[in-house]
C-alpha atoms as a PDB file:
ATOM      1  CA  MET A   1     -23.366 -17.124  -0.704  1.00  0.00           C
ATOM      2  CA  GLU A   2     -22.772 -13.420  -1.710  1.00  0.00           C
ATOM      3  CA  THR A   3     -20.889 -12.114  -4.826  1.00  0.00           C
ATOM      4  CA  LYS A   4     -18.670  -9.596  -4.463  1.00  0.00           C
ATOM      5  CA  ALA A   5     -18.903  -6.804  -7.257  1.00  0.00           C
ATOM      6  CA  LYS A   6     -15.881  -6.354  -9.456  1.00  0.00           C
ATOM      7  CA  LYS A   7     -15.415  -3.231 -11.379  1.00  0.00           C
ATOM      8  CA  ILE A   8     -12.959  -2.280 -14.049  1.00  0.00           C
ATOM      9  CA  PRO A   9     -11.032   1.048 -13.975  1.00  0.00           C
ATOM     10  CA  GLY A  10     -12.354   3.434 -16.458  1.00  0.00           C
ATOM     11  CA  PRO A  11     -13.055   7.179 -17.304  1.00  0.00           C
ATOM     12  CA  ASP A  12     -15.837   7.352 -14.603  1.00  0.00           C
ATOM     13  CA  HIS A  13     -13.274   5.855 -12.025  1.00  0.00           C
ATOM     14  CA  PRO A  14      -9.609   5.650 -13.713  1.00  0.00           C
ATOM     15  CA  ILE A  15      -6.606   3.813 -11.772  1.00  0.00           C
ATOM     16  CA  THR A  16      -3.087   4.696 -13.062  1.00  0.00           C
ATOM     17  CA  ILE A  17       0.034   2.969 -11.859  1.00  0.00           C
ATOM     18  CA  LEU A  18       3.537   4.588 -12.994  1.00  0.00           C
ATOM     19  CA  PRO A  19       6.871   4.202 -11.532  1.00  0.00           C
ATOM     20  CA  ASN A  20       7.914   6.464  -8.987  1.00  0.00           C
ATOM     21  CA  PRO A  21      11.558   7.866 -10.187  1.00  0.00           C
ATOM     22  CA  ARG A  22      12.230   9.045  -6.196  1.00  0.00           C
ATOM     23  CA  ARG A  23      13.157   7.372  -3.410  1.00  0.00           C
ATOM     24  CA  VAL A  24      10.829   6.666  -0.602  1.00  0.00           C
ATOM     25  CA  THR A  25      11.040   5.742   2.500  1.00  0.00           C
ATOM     26  CA  VAL A  26       8.554   5.173   5.514  1.00  0.00           C
ATOM     27  CA  SER A  27       9.575   5.295   8.920  1.00  0.00           C
ATOM     28  CA  VAL A  28       8.013   4.540  12.607  1.00  0.00           C
ATOM     29  CA  ALA A  29       9.185   5.180  15.906  1.00  0.00           C
ATOM     30  CA  GLY A  30      12.887   5.927  14.729  1.00  0.00           C
ATOM     31  CA  ARG A  31      13.155   2.963  12.592  1.00  0.00           C
ATOM     32  CA  VAL A  32      13.142   2.605   8.951  1.00  0.00           C
ATOM     33  CA  ILE A  33      10.118   0.158   7.914  1.00  0.00           C
ATOM     34  CA  ALA A  34      10.676   0.608   3.975  1.00  0.00           C
ATOM     35  CA  ASP A  35      13.181   1.986   1.625  1.00  0.00           C
ATOM     36  CA  THR A  36      12.740   1.580  -1.893  1.00  0.00           C
ATOM     37  CA  ARG A  37      13.783   2.913  -5.415  1.00  0.00           C
ATOM     38  CA  ALA A  38      11.012   1.204  -7.116  1.00  0.00           C
ATOM     39  CA  ALA A  39       8.074   2.540  -5.533  1.00  0.00           C
ATOM     40  CA  LEU A  40       4.982   2.363  -7.799  1.00  0.00           C
ATOM     41  CA  THR A  41       2.609   5.631  -7.341  1.00  0.00           C
ATOM     42  CA  LEU A  42      -1.222   4.604  -7.688  1.00  0.00           C
ATOM     43  CA  GLN A  43      -3.480   7.164  -8.825  1.00  0.00           C
ATOM     44  CA  GLU A  44      -7.108   6.549  -8.219  1.00  0.00           C
ATOM     45  CA  ALA A  45      -9.894   8.471  -9.382  1.00  0.00           C
ATOM     46  CA  SER A  46      -9.839  12.264  -6.963  1.00  0.00           C
ATOM     47  CA  TYR A  47      -8.230  10.296  -4.392  1.00  0.00           C
ATOM     48  CA  PRO A  48      -4.821  11.259  -3.145  1.00  0.00           C
ATOM     49  CA  ALA A  49      -1.679   9.264  -5.035  1.00  0.00           C
ATOM     50  CA  VAL A  50      -0.516   6.178  -2.950  1.00  0.00           C
ATOM     51  CA  GLN A  51       3.003   4.752  -2.901  1.00  0.00           C
ATOM     52  CA  TYR A  52       3.115   1.031  -3.032  1.00  0.00           C
ATOM     53  CA  ILE A  53       6.435  -0.560  -1.950  1.00  0.00           C
ATOM     54  CA  PRO A  54       7.595  -3.730  -3.110  1.00  0.00           C
ATOM     55  CA  ARG A  55       7.515  -6.190  -0.018  1.00  0.00           C
ATOM     56  CA  SER A  56      11.442  -6.920  -0.787  1.00  0.00           C
ATOM     57  CA  ASP A  57      12.046  -3.216  -0.065  1.00  0.00           C
ATOM     58  CA  ALA A  58      10.323  -3.510   3.294  1.00  0.00           C
ATOM     59  CA  ASP A  59      11.503  -4.764   6.674  1.00  0.00           C
ATOM     60  CA  MET A  60       8.667  -7.336   6.911  1.00  0.00           C
ATOM     61  CA  SER A  61       9.873  -8.491  10.399  1.00  0.00           C
ATOM     62  CA  LEU A  62       8.742  -5.334  11.755  1.00  0.00           C
ATOM     63  CA  LEU A  63       5.256  -6.134  10.430  1.00  0.00           C
ATOM     64  CA  GLN A  64       2.807  -8.219  11.880  1.00  0.00           C
ATOM     65  CA  ARG A  65      -0.339  -9.426   9.961  1.00  0.00           C
ATOM     66  CA  SER A  66      -3.699  -8.885  11.411  1.00  0.00           C
ATOM     67  CA  ASP A  67      -7.062 -10.105  11.011  1.00  0.00           C
ATOM     68  CA  HIS A  68      -8.853  -6.993   9.393  1.00  0.00           C
ATOM     69  CA  THR A  69      -9.490  -7.364   5.772  1.00  0.00           C
ATOM     70  CA  THR A  70     -11.457  -5.082   3.490  1.00  0.00           C
ATOM     71  CA  TYR A  71     -12.380  -5.643  -0.256  1.00  0.00           C
ATOM     72  CA  CYS A  72     -12.019  -2.998  -3.322  1.00  0.00           C
ATOM     73  CA  PRO A  73     -14.379  -3.687  -6.314  1.00  0.00           C
ATOM     74  CA  TYR A  74     -11.583  -1.977  -8.295  1.00  0.00           C
ATOM     75  CA  LYS A  75      -8.675  -3.894  -6.552  1.00  0.00           C
ATOM     76  CA  GLY A  76      -9.706  -6.765  -4.764  1.00  0.00           C
ATOM     77  CA  ASP A  77      -9.391  -8.188  -1.406  1.00  0.00           C
ATOM     78  CA  CYS A  78      -6.878  -6.465   0.819  1.00  0.00           C
ATOM     79  CA  SER A  79      -4.779  -7.663   4.040  1.00  0.00           C
ATOM     80  CA  TYR A  80      -3.487  -5.584   6.449  1.00  0.00           C
ATOM     81  CA  TYR A  81      -0.492  -5.593   8.813  1.00  0.00           C
ATOM     82  CA  SER A  82       0.084  -3.379  11.998  1.00  0.00           C
ATOM     83  CA  ILE A  83       3.580  -2.262  13.045  1.00  0.00           C
ATOM     84  CA  ALA A  84       4.133  -2.898  16.632  1.00  0.00           C
ATOM     85  CA  ALA A  85       6.890  -0.425  17.021  1.00  0.00           C
ATOM     86  CA  GLY A  86       4.357   2.335  16.403  1.00  0.00           C
ATOM     87  CA  GLY A  87       1.862   1.406  19.109  1.00  0.00           C
ATOM     88  CA  ASP A  88      -2.120   1.545  18.717  1.00  0.00           C
ATOM     89  CA  ARG A  89      -1.349   4.476  16.275  1.00  0.00           C
ATOM     90  CA  SER A  90       0.241   1.651  13.777  1.00  0.00           C
ATOM     91  CA  THR A  91      -2.600  -0.946  13.827  1.00  0.00           C
ATOM     92  CA  ASN A  92      -3.714  -1.656  10.372  1.00  0.00           C
ATOM     93  CA  ALA A  93      -1.197   0.814   8.994  1.00  0.00           C
ATOM     94  CA  VAL A  94       0.041  -1.069   5.990  1.00  0.00           C
ATOM     95  CA  TRP A  95      -2.368  -2.509   3.563  1.00  0.00           C
ATOM     96  CA  SER A  96      -1.567  -5.142   0.600  1.00  0.00           C
ATOM     97  CA  TYR A  97      -3.711  -6.369  -2.312  1.00  0.00           C
ATOM     98  CA  GLU A  98      -2.056 -10.049  -2.334  1.00  0.00           C
ATOM     99  CA  ALA A  99      -4.019 -11.333  -5.513  1.00  0.00           C
ATOM    100  CA  PRO A 100      -5.033  -7.860  -7.162  1.00  0.00           C
ATOM    101  CA  PHE A 101      -7.303  -7.841 -10.142  1.00  0.00           C
ATOM    102  CA  GLU A 102      -5.534  -7.886 -13.653  1.00  0.00           C
ATOM    103  CA  ALA A 103      -6.010  -3.992 -13.776  1.00  0.00           C
ATOM    104  CA  VAL A 104      -3.876  -3.326 -11.146  1.00  0.00           C
ATOM    105  CA  ALA A 105      -1.790  -6.587 -11.131  1.00  0.00           C
ATOM    106  CA  ALA A 106       1.512  -4.237 -10.976  1.00  0.00           C
ATOM    107  CA  ILE A 107       0.674  -3.818  -7.130  1.00  0.00           C
ATOM    108  CA  LYS A 108       1.113  -7.628  -6.176  1.00  0.00           C
ATOM    109  CA  ASP A 109       4.021  -8.246  -3.812  1.00  0.00           C
ATOM    110  CA  HIS A 110       3.635  -4.333  -2.706  1.00  0.00           C
ATOM    111  CA  LEU A 111       2.579  -2.942   0.398  1.00  0.00           C
ATOM    112  CA  ALA A 112       1.048   0.663   1.079  1.00  0.00           C
ATOM    113  CA  PHE A 113       0.983   2.518   4.248  1.00  0.00           C
ATOM    114  CA  TYR A 114      -1.404   5.152   6.045  1.00  0.00           C
ATOM    115  CA  PRO A 115       0.384   8.461   6.404  1.00  0.00           C
ATOM    116  CA  ASP A 116      -1.497   8.873   9.559  1.00  0.00           C
ATOM    117  CA  ARG A 117      -0.400   5.675  11.220  1.00  0.00           C
ATOM    118  CA  VAL A 118       3.548   6.028  10.546  1.00  0.00           C
ATOM    119  CA  ASP A 119       5.679   9.006  11.013  1.00  0.00           C
ATOM    120  CA  ALA A 120       6.620   9.721   7.757  1.00  0.00           C
ATOM    121  CA  ILE A 121       6.850   8.588   4.116  1.00  0.00           C
ATOM    122  CA  ASP A 122       9.274  10.646   2.696  1.00  0.00           C
ATOM    123  CA  GLN A 123      10.197  10.716  -1.223  1.00  0.00           C
ATOM    124  CA  LEU A 124      13.842  11.944  -1.476  1.00  0.00           C
ATOM    125  CA  PRO A 125      15.542  12.611  -5.041  1.00  0.00           C
ATOM    126  CA  ALA A 126      16.845   9.103  -6.438  1.00  0.00           C
END
């Protein structure tokens, strides 16, 4: 059995998670998939910032869990969801770390969306 590498964020690979004071909405095919005032902004190293939205602020009935999974040595095992309303473009459009490592525990029970697989991720004034 192969052991997965586990890494701790640090100076060479920083990860910060901060509350986003703005309202964040995600839409696909004219439907609002998520609408929250409790998003978390995760900034990892030099990657673009990602909005993590509480599952409780997403319409989970519009998401279909897929068999696709990935692993991040900084965050853990990742599960994916597709958005049927978005067609093929929205396959595996949503990801979630359901049991994230301690360093990023704040993103548990949150979802993130690929910007190119949804119509819009808007940040509006709170």
